[in-house]
Every structure is written in structure tokens, then in C-alpha cells.
Amino acid sequence: MKTLRIALLGFGNSGKALAELLADKQQEIIETYDCKVIVTAIATGSRGIVLNSEGIDLRRAVSDITENGAFSEGTPGLETGQELLGDGGAEQVLARGDFDVLCELTPLNIKTGQPAIGHIRKAFARDAHVVTANKGPIAWAYRELRDTAAERGLRFYYETTVMDGTPVFNLVEHTLKLCRVQEVSGILNSTTNFVLEEMEKGVPYDEIMRSGREKGFIEADPAMDLEGYDAAAKITALLNVLMDADMTPDQVDRKGIENVTPEQVRALATEGKSLKLLCRGWRENGRVFARVAPEAVEKTEFLATVHGTTSVVTIQTDLMGRLSIVEEEPEILQTAYGVFSDLLRVITE
């Protein structure tokens, strides 16, 4: 029986959910794929690192962080210290960890994609496969990373980077063979979708922010969402993979909803329209262009039915016409499953 050794960079909500999923499915993976999966390294931004080539007790690790905010004293392979804060822990795991696959789960830097891009480069230099949930590398350096992985015979998967675990990239790669993607569009940011809907209902802005934070999908500082940066990174990732765009988020014509007023939203509603932050990418004269901007859509249109934290991506192809993929109100388990499914691809492919 083979063994797959995994390093986790990042142990926040998605990292913990993935760890629980791996623990729950461990025996089933063995029975189905004749492969034992162990996590041999975990890096956190503020709680140190764990290096254990025999395999970390995932249930204990999740319980420790969830209940106590730190790994238990005596955890085999635990290291703490000032030098491990921030990106220091990730660098130590990349230099000293014993792993076959790197799971890049660190927080997104939407302006540069770093340090996640550097993490992936270093993993490839060690001949390790990479699964990333971080959209930064796909938005800022996809072609380079894709080509490096191919040259070294390594797997590089990223299903979770857009719409959590919804199989967008896998759908196109495996079921739309020889189809040419001509256009990509959709509603890709759940925060702005929620905010605009609540505005239309007449909910005060402060109440919208409070409610969204309580539900866990509005950040303490929502500027990256409201100003359209997150949506720009997502449409860039989609276009880089599906249309080989080789573009970066700063090339997107971006306009957020930070200056939209409740009065504007309600005025559109009286006209039978809803305001949505739409992402669009298309090919023109051999180049790929992208735009993120609020647009009014008729309430009878499909996009007007995308409510709350639901997302949708529509793909226009030459042979299969227009396809829409909807993800309804995802939770952290869906994010974890996207990474989990990519890990299964590493095992089977």
C-alpha cells in the first residue's frame, strides 16, 4: 500500500475542515485507492508549526485549535517561537517538511498573490505536487506555475480557488474536451450579492454589515469585496485557466459597489430590476478582456434569481453552447471538499 504525505500551509477554517474530512475518510481512502494519506506538516501564522513524518493526529490538532486556540503542549513535532510567526512557519515547513503534496491554504494577498506563489514555486523545486485553495497564484502567476508543473511531471490542482468545491475547472477539462471557451460570466462574490439584496429590502447598512459578519461571510474589513477586488481575482483565475488569458487582476476593468446607495438599488427595484455585481470575460481580436461592475438585470432574468451567498458562473462555448453552474449557499465543508477532491486526483492520476 502506498502512502501520500501532505503538508498543510494554513490551518484556519478551511484547513481544519479539510483535516476533519481526511480523518473521517481515511479508511475509505485506503479501501478504495489502496493508499494511506497522512498529514506530516502543518504551518500556522501565529500558533507555530507541527512536523511529524509519522503522521499528525488530525482530530487532536483540530480539537486543540478549536477549543484552546493552540496546539497542546507535548504535541509530537510542535515548534513555536517568534521566528515562526507570519510566513516564517510556512518557510520552515517548505524547507524541512517531509511531504509529497503541498496544500496551499494561506490567506489571500489579493494585490500580488504572494507569498503563496513563492510557496508553490518552492514545493515544485522539491518535486512535490501542489493543491491550492488560494486564488492568488492562479490570478497572478497561473501560466508560469502550470508550465513548471508540467515540465517537472507534477500535479497542480486548484478547483477550490473559485466557487469553493464546485467542479468548474474539472467540468471543462474532463467533459468539454476540444470545446473552445469563448466567454465567461457570472456572480462570483457572495458578500456583494448579499449586500445589494439587503439594500433592496431597505435594511440599514450597519445592520447589513453586522448580520453578514455574524453569518461569517463578511470580513471585518470588507473593502476587498465591496470594491470588486475579490471578484476581479476570481474572473482572472477563470479566464487564465479556461481561456489561457495570461492576465492579472490589475488588468480587469473593475468597479465595485462601494459608492452604490440604497436609494439607487430601490429605484431600480421599482423598475423591475435588480442590481448585481457581474463579472465578464471575453475574447476580442485575439485578446482576452475582463470587466467587473454593478449591472442592472431584469427580475425575469436568470441572474436576478441568484440570491444571498449563492454564486453562478456561465460558460459560453463553441460546441456546447452556454452552460451555467450554480453553487447554492456554500459552507466551509464545500471548500474543504474541493481540496479533498483534488488530493484524490493526485492519488489516482
Foldseek 3Di string as FASTA:
>chain_A
DEEFEEAEEACPLLNLLLLVVCVVCQVVCCVPQVYGYAYQKYAHQAAFMAGHPVHFPSVQVSCCCVPPVYRDPVRHRGDDDPCRHGCSRLVCCLVDHDGQEYEYEDDEPLPQLPPSLVSLVSCVVVVHAYEYLHLSCLQHPVVVSVVSCVVSVHHYHHCNVFLAQFRPLVCCVPPVPPWAWFKKKKFGQQLQQQQQVVLLVVHDNVVSQVVCVVVPRADPDNCCRQQCSSVLSNVSSVCCRRVVQNHHSVQAATGGCPPPHSVNQNVLVVVQWGWGFMKMWGDDPRHIYIYTDIDIDHCVDPNVPQHRRKMKMWTAIDPPGIDMDIDPPDDSSSNSVNSVVSVVVNSVD
